[in-house]
Amino acid sequence: MVATFKERVTDYLLKHGGKIEADNVTGKLARALRVPDAQRPGLISALKRMEADGLIERSVVGKRTKGIYLIPQPEHAATTNGQEPAPTPTVTKDSGEIDYSELAQEMIRSAAEAFALRDKYREENRVLKKELERLQGQLQAAELQNAALGRQVMDAKEAAKDIQPELKKEVRSLLNKINRMG
């Protein structure tokens, strides 16, 4: 029987010290496992599931996987009810032919994940747009208030200019009175 992607990836990592690192780890792994281009979505889905299941850890920078690390597992993994976990379905038949049904399921899972992410990001984008509109409204209100305060400062300066000559006159008058008294 031909090994599943999960088994093939695990075997490869075990043979290479439990890790693989490169600029494009997925491509390197696909080449090492001799995965045809048509089956790469299945490999990628298997890697995502392995990560979600806690079997591997991926180091991702941007959209690139830079490292895959095998997480040590107990020799006899069991489910919470004490039974052995169900075997992972294979992508190839016993004859070595591609199991297109399984490949299609892998591709559908990948598409469903992509659509779920798209919907999640659309919702986040909608929320962020609302927040941006709210902040732009606050900025506009602050700019209007700033302009009003600027006008008040200008009016106060003009008023001070008008009062200044009168104040100077009053101060001179008081100083003259003080000088006459003394």
N, C-alpha and C. Protein backbone atom coordinates (compact mmCIF):
# COMPACT_ATOMS: atom_id res chain seq x y z
N MET A 1 0.84 -1.18 0.00
CA MET A 1 0.00 0.00 0.00
C MET A 1 0.89 1.25 0.00
N VAL A 2 0.49 2.25 -0.78
CA VAL A 2 1.26 3.49 -0.89
C VAL A 2 0.97 4.35 0.34
N ALA A 3 2.00 4.96 0.89
CA ALA A 3 1.87 5.77 2.10
C ALA A 3 1.12 7.06 1.83
N THR A 4 0.44 7.56 2.85
CA THR A 4 -0.26 8.84 2.76
C THR A 4 0.75 9.97 2.83
N PHE A 5 0.29 11.19 2.51
CA PHE A 5 1.17 12.35 2.64
C PHE A 5 1.65 12.47 4.08
N LYS A 6 0.74 12.26 5.02
CA LYS A 6 1.08 12.38 6.43
C LYS A 6 2.21 11.42 6.78
N GLU A 7 2.10 10.17 6.34
CA GLU A 7 3.14 9.17 6.62
C GLU A 7 4.44 9.52 5.91
N ARG A 8 4.33 9.96 4.67
CA ARG A 8 5.53 10.29 3.90
C ARG A 8 6.27 11.47 4.50
N VAL A 9 5.51 12.50 4.91
CA VAL A 9 6.12 13.69 5.52
C VAL A 9 6.78 13.31 6.84
N THR A 10 6.06 12.53 7.66
CA THR A 10 6.61 12.10 8.96
C THR A 10 7.89 11.30 8.76
N ASP A 11 7.87 10.34 7.84
CA ASP A 11 9.08 9.54 7.56
C ASP A 11 10.24 10.42 7.12
N TYR A 12 9.95 11.36 6.22
CA TYR A 12 11.00 12.25 5.72
C TYR A 12 11.60 13.06 6.86
N LEU A 13 10.73 13.63 7.70
CA LEU A 13 11.23 14.44 8.82
C LEU A 13 12.04 13.59 9.79
N LEU A 14 11.58 12.37 10.06
CA LEU A 14 12.33 11.49 10.96
C LEU A 14 13.71 11.18 10.41
N LYS A 15 13.80 10.99 9.11
CA LYS A 15 15.08 10.69 8.47
C LYS A 15 16.01 11.90 8.43
N HIS A 16 15.44 13.11 8.60
CA HIS A 16 16.23 14.34 8.51
C HIS A 16 16.26 15.10 9.84
N GLY A 17 16.32 14.36 10.93
CA GLY A 17 16.48 14.97 12.24
C GLY A 17 15.25 15.70 12.75
N GLY A 18 14.09 15.40 12.21
CA GLY A 18 12.86 16.00 12.70
C GLY A 18 12.59 17.40 12.19
N LYS A 19 13.37 17.84 11.22
CA LYS A 19 13.14 19.20 10.70
C LYS A 19 13.60 19.31 9.27
N ILE A 20 13.04 20.32 8.61
CA ILE A 20 13.47 20.70 7.27
C ILE A 20 13.38 22.21 7.21
N GLU A 21 14.46 22.83 6.74
CA GLU A 21 14.50 24.29 6.64
C GLU A 21 15.02 24.69 5.27
N ALA A 22 14.39 25.70 4.69
CA ALA A 22 14.80 26.23 3.38
C ALA A 22 14.00 27.49 3.12
N ASP A 23 14.35 28.19 2.03
CA ASP A 23 13.57 29.37 1.65
C ASP A 23 12.16 28.99 1.21
N ASN A 24 12.02 27.83 0.58
CA ASN A 24 10.72 27.34 0.13
C ASN A 24 10.61 25.88 0.55
N VAL A 25 10.26 25.67 1.83
CA VAL A 25 10.24 24.33 2.38
C VAL A 25 9.23 23.45 1.67
N THR A 26 8.06 23.99 1.37
CA THR A 26 7.02 23.17 0.73
C THR A 26 7.50 22.65 -0.62
N GLY A 27 8.14 23.50 -1.40
CA GLY A 27 8.67 23.08 -2.69
C GLY A 27 9.77 22.04 -2.53
N LYS A 28 10.66 22.26 -1.56
CA LYS A 28 11.75 21.32 -1.31
C LYS A 28 11.18 19.97 -0.89
N LEU A 29 10.18 19.99 0.00
CA LEU A 29 9.56 18.76 0.47
C LEU A 29 8.84 18.04 -0.67
N ALA A 30 8.12 18.81 -1.49
CA ALA A 30 7.41 18.21 -2.63
C ALA A 30 8.39 17.53 -3.59
N ARG A 31 9.53 18.18 -3.82
CA ARG A 31 10.54 17.58 -4.71
C ARG A 31 11.13 16.32 -4.07
N ALA A 32 11.42 16.40 -2.78
CA ALA A 32 12.02 15.26 -2.08
C ALA A 32 11.07 14.06 -2.05
N LEU A 33 9.79 14.34 -1.91
CA LEU A 33 8.80 13.26 -1.86
C LEU A 33 8.29 12.88 -3.25
N ARG A 34 8.79 13.58 -4.26
CA ARG A 34 8.39 13.34 -5.66
C ARG A 34 6.88 13.49 -5.84
N VAL A 35 6.37 14.61 -5.32
CA VAL A 35 4.94 14.90 -5.44
C VAL A 35 4.71 15.66 -6.74
N PRO A 36 3.88 15.12 -7.64
CA PRO A 36 3.59 15.83 -8.89
C PRO A 36 2.88 17.17 -8.61
N ASP A 37 3.04 18.12 -9.50
CA ASP A 37 2.42 19.44 -9.32
C ASP A 37 0.92 19.32 -9.06
N ALA A 38 0.26 18.40 -9.74
CA ALA A 38 -1.19 18.25 -9.58
C ALA A 38 -1.57 17.82 -8.17
N GLN A 39 -0.64 17.21 -7.43
CA GLN A 39 -0.95 16.74 -6.08
C GLN A 39 -0.45 17.67 -4.99
N ARG A 40 0.21 18.77 -5.36
CA ARG A 40 0.74 19.70 -4.34
C ARG A 40 -0.35 20.29 -3.45
N PRO A 41 -1.55 20.62 -3.98
CA PRO A 41 -2.60 21.10 -3.06
C PRO A 41 -2.91 20.07 -1.97
N GLY A 42 -2.87 18.79 -2.33
CA GLY A 42 -3.10 17.74 -1.33
C GLY A 42 -2.01 17.71 -0.29
N LEU A 43 -0.75 17.91 -0.72
CA LEU A 43 0.37 17.95 0.22
C LEU A 43 0.22 19.15 1.16
N ILE A 44 -0.12 20.29 0.60
CA ILE A 44 -0.28 21.51 1.41
C ILE A 44 -1.40 21.32 2.42
N SER A 45 -2.51 20.73 1.99
CA SER A 45 -3.63 20.47 2.91
C SER A 45 -3.20 19.51 4.01
N ALA A 46 -2.44 18.49 3.64
CA ALA A 46 -1.97 17.52 4.63
C ALA A 46 -1.07 18.21 5.65
N LEU A 47 -0.19 19.12 5.19
CA LEU A 47 0.68 19.85 6.12
C LEU A 47 -0.13 20.72 7.07
N LYS A 48 -1.16 21.39 6.54
CA LYS A 48 -2.01 22.23 7.39
C LYS A 48 -2.73 21.39 8.44
N ARG A 49 -3.23 20.22 8.01
CA ARG A 49 -3.92 19.34 8.96
C ARG A 49 -2.95 18.81 10.01
N MET A 50 -1.75 18.46 9.57
CA MET A 50 -0.74 17.96 10.52
C MET A 50 -0.40 19.03 11.55
N GLU A 51 -0.32 20.28 11.09
CA GLU A 51 -0.04 21.38 12.02
C GLU A 51 -1.21 21.57 12.97
N ALA A 52 -2.44 21.55 12.43
CA ALA A 52 -3.64 21.71 13.27
C ALA A 52 -3.75 20.57 14.28
N ASP A 53 -3.31 19.37 13.89
CA ASP A 53 -3.38 18.20 14.78
C ASP A 53 -2.22 18.16 15.77
N GLY A 54 -1.30 19.11 15.67
CA GLY A 54 -0.18 19.16 16.61
C GLY A 54 0.94 18.18 16.30
N LEU A 55 1.00 17.72 15.05
CA LEU A 55 2.04 16.78 14.66
C LEU A 55 3.31 17.49 14.20
N ILE A 56 3.14 18.66 13.59
CA ILE A 56 4.29 19.45 13.11
C ILE A 56 4.08 20.90 13.51
N GLU A 57 5.15 21.64 13.44
CA GLU A 57 5.11 23.10 13.62
C GLU A 57 5.76 23.70 12.40
N ARG A 58 5.12 24.74 11.85
CA ARG A 58 5.68 25.40 10.66
C ARG A 58 6.15 26.79 11.04
N SER A 59 7.29 27.18 10.49
CA SER A 59 7.80 28.54 10.64
C SER A 59 7.47 29.26 9.33
N VAL A 60 6.55 30.24 9.41
CA VAL A 60 6.08 30.92 8.21
C VAL A 60 6.49 32.38 8.27
N VAL A 61 7.08 32.87 7.18
CA VAL A 61 7.43 34.28 7.04
C VAL A 61 6.69 34.79 5.82
N GLY A 62 5.73 35.69 6.04
CA GLY A 62 4.88 36.14 4.93
C GLY A 62 4.04 34.98 4.47
N LYS A 63 4.18 34.65 3.20
CA LYS A 63 3.44 33.50 2.66
C LYS A 63 4.35 32.28 2.48
N ARG A 64 5.59 32.39 2.89
CA ARG A 64 6.57 31.32 2.67
C ARG A 64 6.79 30.51 3.95
N THR A 65 6.78 29.20 3.81
CA THR A 65 7.14 28.31 4.91
C THR A 65 8.65 28.17 4.89
N LYS A 66 9.30 28.57 5.98
CA LYS A 66 10.76 28.53 6.06
C LYS A 66 11.26 27.31 6.82
N GLY A 67 10.36 26.65 7.58
CA GLY A 67 10.79 25.47 8.33
C GLY A 67 9.60 24.63 8.73
N ILE A 68 9.79 23.33 8.77
CA ILE A 68 8.79 22.40 9.28
C ILE A 68 9.50 21.54 10.31
N TYR A 69 8.89 21.43 11.51
CA TYR A 69 9.52 20.73 12.62
C TYR A 69 8.55 19.69 13.16
N LEU A 70 9.03 18.48 13.29
CA LEU A 70 8.23 17.39 13.81
C LEU A 70 8.09 17.56 15.32
N ILE A 71 6.88 17.49 15.82
CA ILE A 71 6.65 17.59 17.26
C ILE A 71 6.63 16.16 17.80
N PRO A 72 7.49 15.86 18.77
CA PRO A 72 7.55 14.49 19.30
C PRO A 72 6.17 14.04 19.80
N GLN A 73 5.80 12.81 19.43
CA GLN A 73 4.51 12.24 19.81
C GLN A 73 4.76 10.97 20.62
N PRO A 74 3.83 10.62 21.52
CA PRO A 74 3.95 9.32 22.20
C PRO A 74 3.88 8.21 21.16
N GLU A 75 4.57 7.12 21.42
CA GLU A 75 4.61 6.02 20.44
C GLU A 75 3.23 5.48 20.10
N HIS A 76 2.37 5.40 21.07
CA HIS A 76 1.04 4.85 20.82
C HIS A 76 0.01 5.94 21.06
N ALA A 77 -0.19 6.78 20.06
CA ALA A 77 -1.16 7.87 20.19
C ALA A 77 -2.55 7.27 20.31
N ALA A 78 -3.35 7.83 21.21
CA ALA A 78 -4.72 7.36 21.38
C ALA A 78 -5.65 8.55 21.43
N THR A 79 -6.89 8.31 21.08
CA THR A 79 -7.88 9.38 21.15
C THR A 79 -8.34 9.51 22.58
N THR A 80 -9.20 10.46 22.85
CA THR A 80 -9.64 10.69 24.22
C THR A 80 -10.45 9.53 24.77
N ASN A 81 -11.05 8.70 23.90
CA ASN A 81 -11.83 7.57 24.41
C ASN A 81 -10.98 6.31 24.54
N GLY A 82 -9.65 6.41 24.39
CA GLY A 82 -8.77 5.28 24.60
C GLY A 82 -8.58 4.40 23.39
N GLN A 83 -9.19 4.73 22.26
CA GLN A 83 -9.05 3.92 21.06
C GLN A 83 -7.97 4.50 20.17
N GLU A 84 -7.46 3.68 19.29
CA GLU A 84 -6.48 4.15 18.31
C GLU A 84 -7.16 5.15 17.38
N PRO A 85 -6.46 6.20 16.95
CA PRO A 85 -7.06 7.15 16.02
C PRO A 85 -7.33 6.49 14.68
N ALA A 86 -8.33 7.01 13.98
CA ALA A 86 -8.68 6.48 12.66
C ALA A 86 -7.53 6.74 11.70
N PRO A 87 -7.26 5.81 10.79
CA PRO A 87 -6.17 6.03 9.83
C PRO A 87 -6.48 7.18 8.90
N THR A 88 -5.43 7.88 8.48
CA THR A 88 -5.58 8.97 7.53
C THR A 88 -5.83 8.39 6.15
N PRO A 89 -6.82 8.91 5.40
CA PRO A 89 -7.10 8.36 4.07
C PRO A 89 -5.91 8.56 3.13
N THR A 90 -5.75 7.63 2.19
CA THR A 90 -4.65 7.73 1.24
C THR A 90 -5.07 8.52 0.02
N VAL A 91 -4.08 9.07 -0.67
CA VAL A 91 -4.34 9.82 -1.89
C VAL A 91 -4.12 8.92 -3.10
N THR A 92 -3.49 7.79 -2.87
CA THR A 92 -3.26 6.85 -3.97
C THR A 92 -3.92 5.52 -3.64
N LYS A 93 -4.27 4.78 -4.68
CA LYS A 93 -4.87 3.45 -4.51
C LYS A 93 -3.75 2.43 -4.33
N ASP A 94 -4.15 1.20 -3.96
CA ASP A 94 -3.16 0.14 -3.77
C ASP A 94 -2.34 -0.09 -5.04
N SER A 95 -2.96 0.15 -6.19
CA SER A 95 -2.26 -0.07 -7.45
C SER A 95 -1.23 1.02 -7.74
N GLY A 96 -1.19 2.06 -6.92
CA GLY A 96 -0.25 3.15 -7.14
C GLY A 96 -0.85 4.27 -7.97
N GLU A 97 -2.09 4.09 -8.44
CA GLU A 97 -2.75 5.13 -9.22
C GLU A 97 -3.23 6.23 -8.29
N ILE A 98 -3.42 7.41 -8.84
CA ILE A 98 -3.93 8.54 -8.05
C ILE A 98 -5.39 8.29 -7.73
N ASP A 99 -5.75 8.46 -6.47
CA ASP A 99 -7.15 8.36 -6.06
C ASP A 99 -7.75 9.75 -6.24
N TYR A 100 -8.36 9.96 -7.39
CA TYR A 100 -8.88 11.29 -7.73
C TYR A 100 -10.00 11.73 -6.80
N SER A 101 -10.73 10.78 -6.26
CA SER A 101 -11.78 11.12 -5.30
C SER A 101 -11.17 11.76 -4.06
N GLU A 102 -10.11 11.13 -3.53
CA GLU A 102 -9.44 11.68 -2.35
C GLU A 102 -8.77 13.02 -2.68
N LEU A 103 -8.15 13.10 -3.84
CA LEU A 103 -7.52 14.34 -4.26
C LEU A 103 -8.55 15.45 -4.36
N ALA A 104 -9.71 15.12 -4.93
CA ALA A 104 -10.79 16.11 -5.05
C ALA A 104 -11.25 16.56 -3.67
N GLN A 105 -11.36 15.62 -2.73
CA GLN A 105 -11.75 15.98 -1.37
C GLN A 105 -10.73 16.92 -0.73
N GLU A 106 -9.46 16.63 -0.96
CA GLU A 106 -8.40 17.50 -0.43
C GLU A 106 -8.52 18.90 -1.02
N MET A 107 -8.78 18.96 -2.32
CA MET A 107 -8.90 20.25 -2.99
C MET A 107 -10.14 21.00 -2.50
N ILE A 108 -11.23 20.28 -2.27
CA ILE A 108 -12.45 20.90 -1.76
C ILE A 108 -12.20 21.45 -0.35
N ARG A 109 -11.48 20.66 0.48
CA ARG A 109 -11.15 21.14 1.82
C ARG A 109 -10.32 22.42 1.75
N SER A 110 -9.34 22.42 0.84
CA SER A 110 -8.49 23.61 0.68
C SER A 110 -9.31 24.80 0.22
N ALA A 111 -10.21 24.58 -0.73
CA ALA A 111 -11.06 25.67 -1.21
C ALA A 111 -11.97 26.18 -0.11
N ALA A 112 -12.54 25.26 0.67
CA ALA A 112 -13.42 25.66 1.78
C ALA A 112 -12.65 26.50 2.80
N GLU A 113 -11.40 26.09 3.10
CA GLU A 113 -10.56 26.87 4.02
C GLU A 113 -10.29 28.26 3.45
N ALA A 114 -10.02 28.31 2.16
CA ALA A 114 -9.74 29.61 1.51
C ALA A 114 -10.97 30.50 1.56
N PHE A 115 -12.16 29.94 1.29
CA PHE A 115 -13.38 30.74 1.33
C PHE A 115 -13.67 31.20 2.76
N ALA A 116 -13.43 30.34 3.73
CA ALA A 116 -13.65 30.73 5.13
C ALA A 116 -12.73 31.88 5.50
N LEU A 117 -11.45 31.80 5.07
CA LEU A 117 -10.51 32.89 5.34
C LEU A 117 -10.95 34.17 4.63
N ARG A 118 -11.40 34.01 3.38
CA ARG A 118 -11.85 35.18 2.62
C ARG A 118 -13.00 35.86 3.35
N ASP A 119 -13.99 35.08 3.82
CA ASP A 119 -15.12 35.64 4.54
C ASP A 119 -14.68 36.30 5.85
N LYS A 120 -13.74 35.65 6.53
CA LYS A 120 -13.22 36.21 7.78
C LYS A 120 -12.56 37.57 7.51
N TYR A 121 -11.72 37.62 6.46
CA TYR A 121 -11.03 38.86 6.15
C TYR A 121 -12.00 39.93 5.64
N ARG A 122 -13.03 39.53 4.93
CA ARG A 122 -14.05 40.51 4.50
C ARG A 122 -14.71 41.14 5.72
N GLU A 123 -15.07 40.31 6.70
CA GLU A 123 -15.71 40.83 7.91
C GLU A 123 -14.75 41.75 8.67
N GLU A 124 -13.49 41.32 8.80
CA GLU A 124 -12.49 42.17 9.47
C GLU A 124 -12.32 43.48 8.71
N ASN A 125 -12.31 43.42 7.39
CA ASN A 125 -12.17 44.61 6.56
C ASN A 125 -13.35 45.55 6.78
N ARG A 126 -14.58 44.98 6.85
CA ARG A 126 -15.79 45.78 7.08
C ARG A 126 -15.69 46.49 8.44
N VAL A 127 -15.27 45.76 9.46
CA VAL A 127 -15.14 46.33 10.80
C VAL A 127 -14.08 47.44 10.80
N LEU A 128 -12.95 47.18 10.13
CA LEU A 128 -11.88 48.18 10.07
C LEU A 128 -12.32 49.43 9.31
N LYS A 129 -13.10 49.26 8.24
CA LYS A 129 -13.61 50.41 7.49
C LYS A 129 -14.51 51.27 8.37
N LYS A 130 -15.39 50.61 9.15
CA LYS A 130 -16.25 51.36 10.07
C LYS A 130 -15.43 52.13 11.09
N GLU A 131 -14.41 51.48 11.63
CA GLU A 131 -13.53 52.13 12.60
C GLU A 131 -12.81 53.31 11.96
N LEU A 132 -12.35 53.14 10.72
CA LEU A 132 -11.69 54.23 10.00
C LEU A 132 -12.64 55.40 9.80
N GLU A 133 -13.89 55.11 9.40
CA GLU A 133 -14.87 56.18 9.22
C GLU A 133 -15.12 56.92 10.53
N ARG A 134 -15.21 56.16 11.65
CA ARG A 134 -15.42 56.78 12.96
C ARG A 134 -14.24 57.69 13.31
N LEU A 135 -13.02 57.19 13.08
CA LEU A 135 -11.83 57.99 13.39
C LEU A 135 -11.71 59.21 12.48
N GLN A 136 -12.10 59.06 11.21
CA GLN A 136 -12.07 60.21 10.30
C GLN A 136 -13.07 61.27 10.76
N GLY A 137 -14.24 60.83 11.25
CA GLY A 137 -15.22 61.78 11.80
C GLY A 137 -14.67 62.51 13.00
N GLN A 138 -13.98 61.77 13.89
CA GLN A 138 -13.36 62.41 15.05
C GLN A 138 -12.29 63.40 14.64
N LEU A 139 -11.50 63.04 13.63
CA LEU A 139 -10.46 63.93 13.13
C LEU A 139 -11.06 65.21 12.56
N GLN A 140 -12.13 65.05 11.77
CA GLN A 140 -12.78 66.21 11.19
C GLN A 140 -13.34 67.13 12.28
N ALA A 141 -13.96 66.54 13.30
CA ALA A 141 -14.49 67.34 14.41
C ALA A 141 -13.36 68.07 15.13
N ALA A 142 -12.23 67.37 15.34
CA ALA A 142 -11.09 68.00 16.01
C ALA A 142 -10.51 69.13 15.17
N GLU A 143 -10.47 68.94 13.85
CA GLU A 143 -9.97 70.00 12.97
C GLU A 143 -10.88 71.22 13.01
N LEU A 144 -12.21 71.00 13.03
CA LEU A 144 -13.14 72.13 13.14
C LEU A 144 -12.98 72.85 14.47
N GLN A 145 -12.83 72.08 15.55
CA GLN A 145 -12.63 72.69 16.87
C GLN A 145 -11.32 73.46 16.90
N ASN A 146 -10.28 72.92 16.29
CA ASN A 146 -8.99 73.58 16.23
C ASN A 146 -9.11 74.91 15.47
N ALA A 147 -9.86 74.90 14.36
CA ALA A 147 -10.05 76.12 13.58
C ALA A 147 -10.80 77.17 14.41
N ALA A 148 -11.83 76.72 15.14
CA ALA A 148 -12.60 77.65 15.98
C ALA A 148 -11.71 78.24 17.08
N LEU A 149 -10.89 77.40 17.69
CA LEU A 149 -9.98 77.89 18.73
C LEU A 149 -8.95 78.85 18.13
N GLY A 150 -8.51 78.55 16.92
CA GLY A 150 -7.57 79.46 16.25
C GLY A 150 -8.18 80.83 16.02
N ARG A 151 -9.48 80.83 15.61
CA ARG A 151 -10.16 82.12 15.42
C ARG A 151 -10.30 82.86 16.75
N GLN A 152 -10.59 82.13 17.84
CA GLN A 152 -10.70 82.76 19.15
C GLN A 152 -9.37 83.38 19.57
N VAL A 153 -8.26 82.66 19.29
CA VAL A 153 -6.94 83.20 19.64
C VAL A 153 -6.67 84.47 18.84
N MET A 154 -7.00 84.47 17.55
CA MET A 154 -6.79 85.66 16.71
C MET A 154 -7.64 86.83 17.22
N ASP A 155 -8.91 86.54 17.57
CA ASP A 155 -9.78 87.59 18.11
C ASP A 155 -9.22 88.15 19.41
N ALA A 156 -8.69 87.24 20.27
CA ALA A 156 -8.12 87.69 21.54
C ALA A 156 -6.89 88.56 21.29
N LYS A 157 -6.07 88.21 20.32
CA LYS A 157 -4.89 89.02 19.99
C LYS A 157 -5.32 90.40 19.49
N GLU A 158 -6.33 90.45 18.64
CA GLU A 158 -6.83 91.74 18.12
C GLU A 158 -7.37 92.59 19.26
N ALA A 159 -8.12 91.91 20.15
CA ALA A 159 -8.67 92.65 21.30
C ALA A 159 -7.54 93.17 22.18
N ALA A 160 -6.49 92.37 22.34
CA ALA A 160 -5.34 92.79 23.14
C ALA A 160 -4.66 93.99 22.50
N LYS A 161 -4.60 94.00 21.15
CA LYS A 161 -3.99 95.14 20.46
C LYS A 161 -4.80 96.41 20.69
N ASP A 162 -6.15 96.25 20.68
CA ASP A 162 -7.00 97.42 20.90
C ASP A 162 -6.89 97.93 22.33
N ILE A 163 -6.72 97.02 23.27
CA ILE A 163 -6.66 97.41 24.68
C ILE A 163 -5.27 97.92 25.05
N GLN A 164 -4.26 97.46 24.37
CA GLN A 164 -2.89 97.78 24.72
C GLN A 164 -2.63 99.30 24.79
N PRO A 165 -3.03 100.10 23.81
CA PRO A 165 -2.77 101.55 23.93
C PRO A 165 -3.45 102.17 25.15
N GLU A 166 -4.70 101.69 25.43
CA GLU A 166 -5.40 102.23 26.59
C GLU A 166 -4.69 101.84 27.88
N LEU A 167 -4.20 100.60 27.93
CA LEU A 167 -3.48 100.14 29.12
C LEU A 167 -2.18 100.93 29.30
N LYS A 168 -1.50 101.18 28.20
CA LYS A 168 -0.26 101.97 28.29
C LYS A 168 -0.57 103.35 28.85
N LYS A 169 -1.67 103.93 28.38
CA LYS A 169 -2.07 105.25 28.84
C LYS A 169 -2.35 105.23 30.34
N GLU A 170 -3.07 104.22 30.79
CA GLU A 170 -3.40 104.08 32.21
C GLU A 170 -2.15 103.88 33.05
N VAL A 171 -1.21 103.04 32.56
CA VAL A 171 0.02 102.78 33.30
C VAL A 171 0.84 104.08 33.40
N ARG A 172 0.93 104.85 32.32
CA ARG A 172 1.67 106.13 32.37
C ARG A 172 1.03 107.09 33.37
N SER A 173 -0.29 107.11 33.33
CA SER A 173 -1.00 108.02 34.24
C SER A 173 -0.72 107.63 35.68
N LEU A 174 -0.75 106.34 35.99
CA LEU A 174 -0.48 105.88 37.36
C LEU A 174 0.98 106.17 37.74
N LEU A 175 1.89 105.94 36.81
CA LEU A 175 3.30 106.22 37.11
C LEU A 175 3.52 107.74 37.36
N ASN A 176 2.85 108.57 36.58
CA ASN A 176 2.97 110.02 36.79
C ASN A 176 2.44 110.40 38.16
N LYS A 177 1.32 109.84 38.59
CA LYS A 177 0.76 110.12 39.92
C LYS A 177 1.72 109.70 41.02
N ILE A 178 2.33 108.53 40.80
CA ILE A 178 3.28 108.01 41.80
C ILE A 178 4.50 108.93 41.86
N ASN A 179 4.98 109.38 40.74
CA ASN A 179 6.15 110.25 40.70
C ASN A 179 5.84 111.61 41.35
N ARG A 180 4.63 112.10 41.16
CA ARG A 180 4.26 113.38 41.75
C ARG A 180 4.15 113.26 43.26
N MET A 181 3.73 112.16 43.72
CA MET A 181 3.55 111.96 45.17
C MET A 181 4.89 111.82 45.85
N GLY A 182 5.81 111.28 45.18
CA GLY A 182 7.08 110.96 45.81
C GLY A 182 8.10 111.99 45.71
